[in-house]
Amino acid sequence: MTYTGRGSHPNSLANLKHEGRPLAQDEPKKNRTITVTDLGWNGARALALSLGLSSFSELVEKLGRKEILLVIPSVESATSLDES
């Protein structure tokens, strides 16, 4: 039997079903697709791991639920960082 790609194996698909298991959140998750470079993907995964999260998916979930907040430096702060 041939599988067409990552996440298409029947066992992987079965793991998405939470029958008999409690949901981690108050609603079931859905598959999503994003387009990102390898550098962006690897950096985001490393960020998730450095925050003690198990996956990039968990990072996105927490960002979306405002359990993790991003702080974006102002233009002045970013400029002063570049000059040091």
Protein backbone atom coordinates (compact mmCIF):
# COMPACT_ATOMS: atom_id res chain seq x y z
CA MET A 1 0.00 0.00 0.00
CA THR A 2 1.38 3.42 -0.96
CA TYR A 3 0.78 6.67 0.95
CA THR A 4 0.82 9.98 -0.86
CA GLY A 5 2.63 12.04 1.74
CA ARG A 6 3.09 13.07 5.29
CA GLY A 7 -0.09 12.80 7.33
CA SER A 8 -1.84 10.48 4.87
CA HIS A 9 -1.07 7.22 6.70
CA PRO A 10 -4.22 5.71 8.29
CA ASN A 11 -2.55 5.74 11.73
CA SER A 12 -1.81 9.47 11.40
CA LEU A 13 -5.38 10.16 10.37
CA ALA A 14 -6.67 8.07 13.29
CA ASN A 15 -4.61 10.19 15.70
CA LEU A 16 -6.61 13.24 14.63
CA LYS A 17 -9.77 11.64 15.98
CA HIS A 18 -10.29 12.13 19.69
CA GLU A 19 -12.87 9.41 20.17
CA GLY A 20 -12.58 8.25 23.76
CA ARG A 21 -9.94 10.84 24.62
CA PRO A 22 -10.59 14.23 26.19
CA LEU A 23 -9.92 17.24 23.95
CA ALA A 24 -6.94 19.40 24.86
CA GLN A 25 -9.09 22.46 24.09
CA ASP A 26 -12.83 23.02 24.14
CA GLU A 27 -13.21 22.16 20.46
CA PRO A 28 -11.75 19.64 18.02
CA LYS A 29 -8.79 20.62 15.88
CA LYS A 30 -8.91 20.74 12.08
CA ASN A 31 -6.15 20.23 9.54
CA ARG A 32 -4.77 23.51 8.15
CA THR A 33 -2.16 24.26 5.54
CA ILE A 34 0.44 27.03 5.62
CA THR A 35 3.14 28.01 3.16
CA VAL A 36 6.49 28.92 4.68
CA THR A 37 10.18 28.69 3.81
CA ASP A 38 12.40 26.04 5.40
CA LEU A 39 14.15 28.76 7.39
CA GLY A 40 10.85 30.11 8.70
CA TRP A 41 9.53 26.64 9.51
CA ASN A 42 12.68 25.55 11.33
CA GLY A 43 12.87 28.83 13.23
CA ALA A 44 9.24 28.57 14.33
CA ARG A 45 9.70 24.96 15.44
CA ALA A 46 12.82 25.95 17.39
CA LEU A 47 10.90 28.80 19.01
CA ALA A 48 8.10 26.42 20.03
CA LEU A 49 10.59 23.99 21.56
CA SER A 50 12.44 26.80 23.39
CA LEU A 51 9.11 27.78 24.96
CA GLY A 52 8.60 24.23 26.21
CA LEU A 53 5.90 23.43 23.65
CA SER A 54 5.71 20.10 21.87
CA SER A 55 5.12 21.42 18.37
CA PHE A 56 4.67 24.38 16.04
CA SER A 57 0.96 23.55 16.04
CA GLU A 58 0.82 24.09 19.80
CA LEU A 59 2.57 27.46 19.38
CA VAL A 60 0.01 28.59 16.79
CA GLU A 61 -2.84 27.38 19.01
CA LYS A 62 -1.54 29.36 22.00
CA LEU A 63 -0.93 32.47 19.89
CA GLY A 64 -4.46 32.28 18.52
CA ARG A 65 -5.93 31.85 21.98
CA LYS A 66 -3.80 34.74 23.31
CA GLU A 67 -2.10 32.44 25.80
CA ILE A 68 1.22 33.63 24.35
CA LEU A 69 1.58 37.26 23.35
CA LEU A 70 4.00 38.66 20.80
CA VAL A 71 5.82 41.87 21.58
CA ILE A 72 6.86 43.69 18.43
CA PRO A 73 9.59 46.25 19.05
CA SER A 74 8.95 49.77 17.84
CA VAL A 75 10.96 51.08 14.89
CA GLU A 76 13.09 53.18 17.26
CA SER A 77 13.90 50.16 19.46
CA ALA A 78 14.78 48.00 16.48
CA THR A 79 17.06 50.72 15.11
CA SER A 80 18.88 51.12 18.42
CA LEU A 81 19.39 47.34 18.61
CA ASP A 82 20.94 47.34 15.14
CA GLU A 83 23.36 50.11 16.13
CA SER A 84 24.74 48.33 19.20
